[in-house]
């Protein structure tokens, strides 16, 4: 299968609208979703701005992708979520996801830049993409975000787009890490709150004092990419901590437990 991204046509847009309404109604059975705009009074950001951008979110549950897509609808943009190639390129569900503009990531390839090439295509087309910078559901026992991988920042530096953090709490009460069916049944009875909050745009090029537009003459060093990634994660963790009402164990994300 071709490792490229195709912009959804009219059929894909209609499918997105229909599925969005259907899934929104279905998920209301399991949870109460609250999506808050930026909390800073000085901010004019009330939703996702136009143009290419990357939304990064913390990952606590298999239900996160559904809530993230629904949050995008409330924030005014269809989000093109990144997912493993095994799902996005599957014969049945994969076809639907590709029609919605979801992006396959081939994690097993030898070249990380090539794995993110379809996401770069979508960004150049002015799309809003969404990913989990941790690269997996957190393994922290208290569901705090883990230290992030650098893919989101590398994409943002390459294309010259902002990263917008979207913190989330509560999804793990809908689909737990263990006993998934039991947690779903419990959610029908209790309808837990899933709360999400949008942060301020973060521009890695500006943070690293690199040219804001056009191709970079020199690539950022690994240390620069790591510093920008830590700053991105600091902003995301701060939103999660505010939603939880408690200080994080590590402001940059807890060390990965591999």
C-alpha atoms as a PDB file:
ATOM      1  CA  UNK A   1       0.000   0.000   0.000  1.00  0.00           C
ATOM      2  CA  UNK A   2       1.232   3.493  -0.854  1.00  0.00           C
ATOM      3  CA  UNK A   3       2.657   5.302   2.149  1.00  0.00           C
ATOM      4  CA  UNK A   4       1.076   8.653   1.340  1.00  0.00           C
ATOM      5  CA  UNK A   5      -1.806  10.716   2.651  1.00  0.00           C
ATOM      6  CA  UNK A   6      -4.861  11.651   0.630  1.00  0.00           C
ATOM      7  CA  UNK A   7      -7.018  14.652   1.510  1.00  0.00           C
ATOM      8  CA  UNK A   8     -10.644  13.630   2.182  1.00  0.00           C
ATOM      9  CA  UNK A   9     -13.036  14.575  -0.602  1.00  0.00           C
ATOM     10  CA  UNK A  10     -16.698  15.508  -0.362  1.00  0.00           C
ATOM     11  CA  UNK A  11     -17.615  11.923   0.535  1.00  0.00           C
ATOM     12  CA  UNK A  12     -15.068  11.869   3.339  1.00  0.00           C
ATOM     13  CA  UNK A  13     -16.317  15.199   4.708  1.00  0.00           C
ATOM     14  CA  UNK A  14     -19.918  13.983   4.701  1.00  0.00           C
ATOM     15  CA  UNK A  15     -18.882  10.743   6.373  1.00  0.00           C
ATOM     16  CA  UNK A  16     -16.991  12.717   9.024  1.00  0.00           C
ATOM     17  CA  UNK A  17     -20.096  14.821   9.772  1.00  0.00           C
ATOM     18  CA  UNK A  18     -22.453  11.838   9.951  1.00  0.00           C
ATOM     19  CA  UNK A  19     -20.125   9.683  12.039  1.00  0.00           C
ATOM     20  CA  UNK A  20     -19.335  12.630  14.279  1.00  0.00           C
ATOM     21  CA  UNK A  21     -22.978  13.080  15.219  1.00  0.00           C
ATOM     22  CA  UNK A  22     -23.529   9.354  15.665  1.00  0.00           C
ATOM     23  CA  UNK A  23     -20.419   8.771  17.765  1.00  0.00           C
ATOM     24  CA  UNK A  24     -21.092  11.875  19.848  1.00  0.00           C
ATOM     25  CA  UNK A  25     -24.516  10.508  20.758  1.00  0.00           C
ATOM     26  CA  UNK A  26     -23.129   7.064  21.487  1.00  0.00           C
ATOM     27  CA  UNK A  27     -20.300   8.304  23.695  1.00  0.00           C
ATOM     28  CA  UNK A  28     -22.749  10.414  25.706  1.00  0.00           C
ATOM     29  CA  UNK A  29     -23.991   7.047  27.001  1.00  0.00           C
ATOM     30  CA  UNK A  30     -20.600   6.356  28.567  1.00  0.00           C
ATOM     31  CA  UNK A  31     -19.307   9.759  29.655  1.00  0.00           C
ATOM     32  CA  UNK A  32     -19.925  13.477  29.987  1.00  0.00           C
ATOM     33  CA  UNK A  33     -17.419  15.227  27.719  1.00  0.00           C
ATOM     34  CA  UNK A  34     -16.386  18.780  28.556  1.00  0.00           C
ATOM     35  CA  UNK A  35     -14.010  20.607  26.222  1.00  0.00           C
ATOM     36  CA  UNK A  36     -12.720  23.934  27.543  1.00  0.00           C
ATOM     37  CA  UNK A  37     -11.016  26.602  25.492  1.00  0.00           C
ATOM     38  CA  UNK A  38      -7.863  28.329  26.627  1.00  0.00           C
ATOM     39  CA  UNK A  39      -8.089  29.387  30.249  1.00  0.00           C
ATOM     40  CA  UNK A  40      -5.804  32.424  29.902  1.00  0.00           C
ATOM     41  CA  UNK A  41      -7.883  35.590  29.918  1.00  0.00           C
ATOM     42  CA  UNK A  42      -5.402  37.372  27.647  1.00  0.00           C
ATOM     43  CA  UNK A  43      -5.755  34.708  24.965  1.00  0.00           C
ATOM     44  CA  UNK A  44      -7.912  35.226  21.876  1.00  0.00           C
ATOM     45  CA  UNK A  45      -7.791  31.485  21.132  1.00  0.00           C
ATOM     46  CA  UNK A  46     -11.296  30.092  21.523  1.00  0.00           C
ATOM     47  CA  UNK A  47     -10.854  27.107  19.227  1.00  0.00           C
ATOM     48  CA  UNK A  48      -8.359  25.639  16.814  1.00  0.00           C
ATOM     49  CA  UNK A  49      -7.066  28.270  14.353  1.00  0.00           C
ATOM     50  CA  UNK A  50      -6.956  27.803  10.582  1.00  0.00           C
ATOM     51  CA  UNK A  51      -3.953  26.337   8.792  1.00  0.00           C
ATOM     52  CA  UNK A  52      -1.620  23.456   9.419  1.00  0.00           C
ATOM     53  CA  UNK A  53      -1.119  22.631  13.085  1.00  0.00           C
ATOM     54  CA  UNK A  54      -0.367  19.740  15.416  1.00  0.00           C
ATOM     55  CA  UNK A  55      -2.556  18.919  18.406  1.00  0.00           C
ATOM     56  CA  UNK A  56      -0.762  16.895  21.082  1.00  0.00           C
ATOM     57  CA  UNK A  57      -2.654  15.133  23.861  1.00  0.00           C
ATOM     58  CA  UNK A  58      -1.820  12.878  26.801  1.00  0.00           C
ATOM     59  CA  UNK A  59      -2.743   9.209  26.444  1.00  0.00           C
ATOM     60  CA  UNK A  60      -4.451   7.230  29.228  1.00  0.00           C
ATOM     61  CA  UNK A  61      -7.024   4.993  27.517  1.00  0.00           C
ATOM     62  CA  UNK A  62      -8.065   3.204  24.350  1.00  0.00           C
ATOM     63  CA  UNK A  63     -11.028   5.603  24.349  1.00  0.00           C
ATOM     64  CA  UNK A  64      -8.770   8.648  23.945  1.00  0.00           C
ATOM     65  CA  UNK A  65      -8.892   8.664  20.154  1.00  0.00           C
ATOM     66  CA  UNK A  66     -12.688   8.913  20.094  1.00  0.00           C
ATOM     67  CA  UNK A  67     -12.757  11.740  22.625  1.00  0.00           C
ATOM     68  CA  UNK A  68      -9.947  13.533  20.795  1.00  0.00           C
ATOM     69  CA  UNK A  69     -11.873  13.406  17.528  1.00  0.00           C
ATOM     70  CA  UNK A  70     -15.020  14.698  19.264  1.00  0.00           C
ATOM     71  CA  UNK A  71     -13.011  17.497  20.885  1.00  0.00           C
ATOM     72  CA  UNK A  72     -11.758  18.558  17.453  1.00  0.00           C
ATOM     73  CA  UNK A  73     -15.359  18.916  16.266  1.00  0.00           C
ATOM     74  CA  UNK A  74     -16.190  21.119  19.253  1.00  0.00           C
ATOM     75  CA  UNK A  75     -13.064  23.196  18.656  1.00  0.00           C
ATOM     76  CA  UNK A  76     -13.968  23.822  15.021  1.00  0.00           C
ATOM     77  CA  UNK A  77     -11.553  21.573  13.113  1.00  0.00           C
ATOM     78  CA  UNK A  78     -11.653  17.958  11.903  1.00  0.00           C
ATOM     79  CA  UNK A  79      -8.570  16.308  13.355  1.00  0.00           C
ATOM     80  CA  UNK A  80      -6.572  13.886  11.214  1.00  0.00           C
ATOM     81  CA  UNK A  81      -5.365  11.453  13.861  1.00  0.00           C
ATOM     82  CA  UNK A  82      -2.162   9.477  13.507  1.00  0.00           C
ATOM     83  CA  UNK A  83      -2.490   5.754  14.127  1.00  0.00           C
ATOM     84  CA  UNK A  84      -0.502   2.577  13.699  1.00  0.00           C
ATOM     85  CA  UNK A  85      -0.410   1.295  10.130  1.00  0.00           C
ATOM     86  CA  UNK A  86      -1.890  -2.029  11.225  1.00  0.00           C
ATOM     87  CA  UNK A  87      -5.175  -0.269  12.043  1.00  0.00           C
ATOM     88  CA  UNK A  88      -5.270   2.526   9.445  1.00  0.00           C
ATOM     89  CA  UNK A  89      -4.443   0.103   6.618  1.00  0.00           C
ATOM     90  CA  UNK A  90      -6.768  -2.708   7.749  1.00  0.00           C
ATOM     91  CA  UNK A  91      -9.224  -3.860   5.038  1.00  0.00           C
ATOM     92  CA  UNK A  92     -12.521  -2.683   6.620  1.00  0.00           C
ATOM     93  CA  UNK A  93     -12.111  -0.217   9.481  1.00  0.00           C
ATOM     94  CA  UNK A  94      -8.967   1.097   7.839  1.00  0.00           C
ATOM     95  CA  UNK A  95     -10.837   2.083   4.699  1.00  0.00           C
ATOM     96  CA  UNK A  96     -13.255   4.173   6.766  1.00  0.00           C
ATOM     97  CA  UNK A  97     -10.423   5.784   8.733  1.00  0.00           C
ATOM     98  CA  UNK A  98      -8.545   6.659   5.541  1.00  0.00           C
ATOM     99  CA  UNK A  99     -11.699   8.260   4.135  1.00  0.00           C
ATOM    100  CA  UNK A 100     -11.751  10.414   7.282  1.00  0.00           C
ATOM    101  CA  UNK A 101      -8.169  11.502   6.600  1.00  0.00           C
ATOM    102  CA  UNK A 102      -6.535   9.482   9.371  1.00  0.00           C
ATOM    103  CA  UNK A 103      -2.804   8.998   8.903  1.00  0.00           C
ATOM    104  CA  UNK A 104      -0.930   5.690   9.030  1.00  0.00           C
ATOM    105  CA  UNK A 105       2.411   5.585  10.851  1.00  0.00           C
ATOM    106  CA  UNK A 106       4.803   2.744  10.012  1.00  0.00           C
ATOM    107  CA  UNK A 107       6.693   2.541  13.284  1.00  0.00           C
ATOM    108  CA  UNK A 108       8.819  -0.444  12.324  1.00  0.00           C
ATOM    109  CA  UNK A 109      10.541   1.272   9.408  1.00  0.00           C
ATOM    110  CA  UNK A 110      14.252   2.113   9.561  1.00  0.00           C
ATOM    111  CA  UNK A 111      13.715   5.830   8.872  1.00  0.00           C
ATOM    112  CA  UNK A 112      11.615   7.805  11.426  1.00  0.00           C
ATOM    113  CA  UNK A 113      11.328  10.767   9.031  1.00  0.00           C
ATOM    114  CA  UNK A 114       9.829   8.504   6.366  1.00  0.00           C
ATOM    115  CA  UNK A 115       7.312   7.158   8.891  1.00  0.00           C
ATOM    116  CA  UNK A 116       6.022  10.703   9.468  1.00  0.00           C
ATOM    117  CA  UNK A 117       6.049  11.709   5.785  1.00  0.00           C
ATOM    118  CA  UNK A 118       2.246  11.264   5.364  1.00  0.00           C
ATOM    119  CA  UNK A 119       1.694  13.530   8.398  1.00  0.00           C
ATOM    120  CA  UNK A 120       3.961  16.132   6.803  1.00  0.00           C
ATOM    121  CA  UNK A 121       1.837  15.923   3.636  1.00  0.00           C
ATOM    122  CA  UNK A 122      -1.308  16.650   5.638  1.00  0.00           C
ATOM    123  CA  UNK A 123       0.320  19.614   7.392  1.00  0.00           C
ATOM    124  CA  UNK A 124       1.457  21.099   4.097  1.00  0.00           C
ATOM    125  CA  UNK A 125      -2.152  20.785   2.902  1.00  0.00           C
ATOM    126  CA  UNK A 126      -3.233  22.982   5.842  1.00  0.00           C
ATOM    127  CA  UNK A 127      -4.738  20.195   7.938  1.00  0.00           C
ATOM    128  CA  UNK A 128      -4.928  19.878  11.713  1.00  0.00           C
ATOM    129  CA  UNK A 129      -3.330  16.608  12.738  1.00  0.00           C
ATOM    130  CA  UNK A 130      -3.395  15.047  16.199  1.00  0.00           C
ATOM    131  CA  UNK A 131      -1.016  12.674  17.918  1.00  0.00           C
ATOM    132  CA  UNK A 132       0.092  11.386  21.296  1.00  0.00           C
ATOM    133  CA  UNK A 133       3.694  12.488  21.886  1.00  0.00           C
ATOM    134  CA  UNK A 134       4.214   9.704  24.432  1.00  0.00           C
ATOM    135  CA  UNK A 135       3.698   7.196  21.617  1.00  0.00           C
ATOM    136  CA  UNK A 136       1.603   4.881  23.772  1.00  0.00           C
ATOM    137  CA  UNK A 137      -0.819   4.759  26.699  1.00  0.00           C
ATOM    138  CA  UNK A 138       1.062   5.879  29.786  1.00  0.00           C
ATOM    139  CA  UNK A 139       2.342   3.094  31.990  1.00  0.00           C
ATOM    140  CA  UNK A 140       2.451   5.320  35.044  1.00  0.00           C
ATOM    141  CA  UNK A 141       0.303   3.813  37.790  1.00  0.00           C
ATOM    142  CA  UNK A 142      -1.327   7.201  38.520  1.00  0.00           C
ATOM    143  CA  UNK A 143      -1.948   8.004  34.841  1.00  0.00           C
ATOM    144  CA  UNK A 144       0.460  10.936  34.630  1.00  0.00           C
ATOM    145  CA  UNK A 145       1.949  11.628  31.163  1.00  0.00           C
ATOM    146  CA  UNK A 146       5.290  10.063  30.366  1.00  0.00           C
ATOM    147  CA  UNK A 147       8.286  11.836  28.856  1.00  0.00           C
ATOM    148  CA  UNK A 148       7.544  12.547  25.192  1.00  0.00           C
ATOM    149  CA  UNK A 149       9.204  11.324  22.050  1.00  0.00           C
ATOM    150  CA  UNK A 150      10.452  13.976  19.608  1.00  0.00           C
ATOM    151  CA  UNK A 151       8.321  13.278  16.516  1.00  0.00           C
ATOM    152  CA  UNK A 152       5.823  16.116  17.022  1.00  0.00           C
ATOM    153  CA  UNK A 153       8.541  18.734  17.381  1.00  0.00           C
ATOM    154  CA  UNK A 154      10.486  17.411  14.393  1.00  0.00           C
ATOM    155  CA  UNK A 155       7.332  17.697  12.273  1.00  0.00           C
ATOM    156  CA  UNK A 156       6.604  21.209  13.524  1.00  0.00           C
ATOM    157  CA  UNK A 157      10.172  22.318  12.808  1.00  0.00           C
ATOM    158  CA  UNK A 158      10.134  20.763   9.352  1.00  0.00           C
ATOM    159  CA  UNK A 159       6.870  22.357   8.209  1.00  0.00           C
ATOM    160  CA  UNK A 160       6.932  25.508  10.354  1.00  0.00           C
ATOM    161  CA  UNK A 161       3.611  24.948  12.140  1.00  0.00           C
ATOM    162  CA  UNK A 162       2.505  25.386  15.767  1.00  0.00           C
ATOM    163  CA  UNK A 163       1.866  22.679  18.322  1.00  0.00           C
ATOM    164  CA  UNK A 164      -1.240  23.074  20.473  1.00  0.00           C
ATOM    165  CA  UNK A 165      -1.497  21.010  23.685  1.00  0.00           C
ATOM    166  CA  UNK A 166      -4.852  19.495  24.632  1.00  0.00           C
ATOM    167  CA  UNK A 167      -4.825  18.056  28.132  1.00  0.00           C
ATOM    168  CA  UNK A 168      -7.315  15.376  29.131  1.00  0.00           C
ATOM    169  CA  UNK A 169      -8.455  13.546  32.267  1.00  0.00           C
ATOM    170  CA  UNK A 170     -11.069  10.870  32.856  1.00  0.00           C
ATOM    171  CA  UNK A 171     -10.960   8.708  29.716  1.00  0.00           C
ATOM    172  CA  UNK A 172      -9.371   5.830  31.637  1.00  0.00           C
ATOM    173  CA  UNK A 173     -12.607   5.575  33.647  1.00  0.00           C
ATOM    174  CA  UNK A 174     -14.466   4.753  30.422  1.00  0.00           C
ATOM    175  CA  UNK A 175     -12.043   2.141  29.100  1.00  0.00           C
ATOM    176  CA  UNK A 176      -9.579   1.043  31.747  1.00  0.00           C
ATOM    177  CA  UNK A 177      -6.149  -0.416  31.276  1.00  0.00           C
ATOM    178  CA  UNK A 178      -7.465  -3.753  32.530  1.00  0.00           C
ATOM    179  CA  UNK A 179     -10.977  -5.261  32.582  1.00  0.00           C
ATOM    180  CA  UNK A 180     -12.016  -3.101  29.644  1.00  0.00           C
ATOM    181  CA  UNK A 181     -15.519  -4.541  29.308  1.00  0.00           C
ATOM    182  CA  UNK A 182     -16.164  -4.157  33.017  1.00  0.00           C
ATOM    183  CA  UNK A 183     -15.072  -0.524  32.971  1.00  0.00           C
ATOM    184  CA  UNK A 184     -17.335   0.164  29.972  1.00  0.00           C
ATOM    185  CA  UNK A 185     -20.329  -1.337  31.778  1.00  0.00           C
ATOM    186  CA  UNK A 186     -19.494   0.658  34.893  1.00  0.00           C
ATOM    187  CA  UNK A 187     -19.276   3.824  32.770  1.00  0.00           C
ATOM    188  CA  UNK A 188     -22.824   3.300  31.478  1.00  0.00           C
ATOM    189  CA  UNK A 189     -24.040   3.447  35.079  1.00  0.00           C
ATOM    190  CA  UNK A 190     -21.753   6.182  36.419  1.00  0.00           C
ATOM    191  CA  UNK A 191     -21.106   8.280  33.259  1.00  0.00           C
ATOM    192  CA  UNK A 192     -17.719   9.664  34.389  1.00  0.00           C
ATOM    193  CA  UNK A 193     -16.599  13.146  33.419  1.00  0.00           C
ATOM    194  CA  UNK A 194     -14.007  13.389  30.642  1.00  0.00           C
ATOM    195  CA  UNK A 195     -12.537  16.884  30.764  1.00  0.00           C
ATOM    196  CA  UNK A 196     -10.268  18.359  28.103  1.00  0.00           C
ATOM    197  CA  UNK A 197      -8.626  21.769  27.896  1.00  0.00           C
ATOM    198  CA  UNK A 198      -6.900  23.544  25.039  1.00  0.00           C
ATOM    199  CA  UNK A 199      -3.593  25.299  25.630  1.00  0.00           C
ATOM    200  CA  UNK A 200      -1.705  28.119  23.916  1.00  0.00           C
ATOM    201  CA  UNK A 201       0.019  27.479  20.558  1.00  0.00           C
ATOM    202  CA  UNK A 202       3.686  26.592  20.924  1.00  0.00           C
ATOM    203  CA  UNK A 203       6.014  27.404  18.026  1.00  0.00           C
ATOM    204  CA  UNK A 204       9.190  25.263  18.237  1.00  0.00           C
ATOM    205  CA  UNK A 205      10.985  27.431  15.656  1.00  0.00           C
ATOM    206  CA  UNK A 206      10.342  30.554  17.722  1.00  0.00           C
ATOM    207  CA  UNK A 207      11.360  28.754  20.923  1.00  0.00           C
ATOM    208  CA  UNK A 208      14.673  27.764  19.307  1.00  0.00           C
ATOM    209  CA  UNK A 209      15.093  31.182  17.618  1.00  0.00           C
ATOM    210  CA  UNK A 210      15.009  29.688  14.134  1.00  0.00           C
ATOM    211  CA  UNK A 211      13.406  31.279  11.021  1.00  0.00           C
ATOM    212  CA  UNK A 212       9.629  31.260  11.402  1.00  0.00           C
ATOM    213  CA  UNK A 213       8.880  30.458   7.765  1.00  0.00           C
ATOM    214  CA  UNK A 214      10.488  28.642   4.849  1.00  0.00           C
ATOM    215  CA  UNK A 215      12.852  25.656   4.881  1.00  0.00           C
ATOM    216  CA  UNK A 216      15.518  25.552   7.553  1.00  0.00           C
ATOM    217  CA  UNK A 217      19.010  26.122   6.224  1.00  0.00           C
ATOM    218  CA  UNK A 218      20.426  24.022   9.037  1.00  0.00           C
ATOM    219  CA  UNK A 219      18.615  21.287  10.905  1.00  0.00           C
ATOM    220  CA  UNK A 220      18.113  21.680  14.618  1.00  0.00           C
ATOM    221  CA  UNK A 221      20.483  19.643  16.744  1.00  0.00           C
ATOM    222  CA  UNK A 222      19.251  16.689  18.764  1.00  0.00           C
ATOM    223  CA  UNK A 223      19.739  18.737  21.937  1.00  0.00           C
ATOM    224  CA  UNK A 224      17.601  21.551  20.513  1.00  0.00           C
ATOM    225  CA  UNK A 225      14.873  19.127  19.485  1.00  0.00           C
ATOM    226  CA  UNK A 226      14.928  17.572  22.950  1.00  0.00           C
ATOM    227  CA  UNK A 227      14.723  20.999  24.611  1.00  0.00           C
ATOM    228  CA  UNK A 228      11.731  21.998  22.466  1.00  0.00           C
ATOM    229  CA  UNK A 229      10.064  18.639  23.138  1.00  0.00           C
ATOM    230  CA  UNK A 230      10.510  19.085  26.886  1.00  0.00           C
ATOM    231  CA  UNK A 231       8.994  22.573  26.659  1.00  0.00           C
ATOM    232  CA  UNK A 232       6.026  21.213  24.675  1.00  0.00           C
ATOM    233  CA  UNK A 233       5.510  18.512  27.295  1.00  0.00           C
ATOM    234  CA  UNK A 234       5.881  20.968  30.156  1.00  0.00           C
ATOM    235  CA  UNK A 235       2.897  22.876  28.759  1.00  0.00           C
ATOM    236  CA  UNK A 236       0.826  19.735  28.267  1.00  0.00           C
ATOM    237  CA  UNK A 237       1.610  18.354  31.742  1.00  0.00           C
ATOM    238  CA  UNK A 238       0.712  21.740  33.286  1.00  0.00           C
ATOM    239  CA  UNK A 239      -2.769  21.544  31.723  1.00  0.00           C
ATOM    240  CA  UNK A 240      -3.244  17.978  32.972  1.00  0.00           C
ATOM    241  CA  UNK A 241      -2.104  18.995  36.456  1.00  0.00           C
ATOM    242  CA  UNK A 242      -4.531  21.914  36.471  1.00  0.00           C
ATOM    243  CA  UNK A 243      -7.397  19.644  35.414  1.00  0.00           C
ATOM    244  CA  UNK A 244      -6.473  17.178  38.143  1.00  0.00           C
ATOM    245  CA  UNK A 245      -5.963  19.887  40.761  1.00  0.00           C
ATOM    246  CA  UNK A 246      -2.621  18.526  41.945  1.00  0.00           C
ATOM    247  CA  UNK A 247       1.065  19.054  41.164  1.00  0.00           C
ATOM    248  CA  UNK A 248       2.666  16.617  38.723  1.00  0.00           C
ATOM    249  CA  UNK A 249       5.396  14.233  39.900  1.00  0.00           C
ATOM    250  CA  UNK A 250       7.565  15.527  37.038  1.00  0.00           C
ATOM    251  CA  UNK A 251       6.775  18.733  35.087  1.00  0.00           C
ATOM    252  CA  UNK A 252       8.237  17.257  31.871  1.00  0.00           C
ATOM    253  CA  UNK A 253       6.480  13.900  32.122  1.00  0.00           C
ATOM    254  CA  UNK A 254       7.437  10.950  34.300  1.00  0.00           C
ATOM    255  CA  UNK A 255      10.377   8.809  33.127  1.00  0.00           C
ATOM    256  CA  UNK A 256       9.314   6.112  30.666  1.00  0.00           C
ATOM    257  CA  UNK A 257       8.896   2.678  32.232  1.00  0.00           C
ATOM    258  CA  UNK A 258      10.080   0.402  29.410  1.00  0.00           C
END
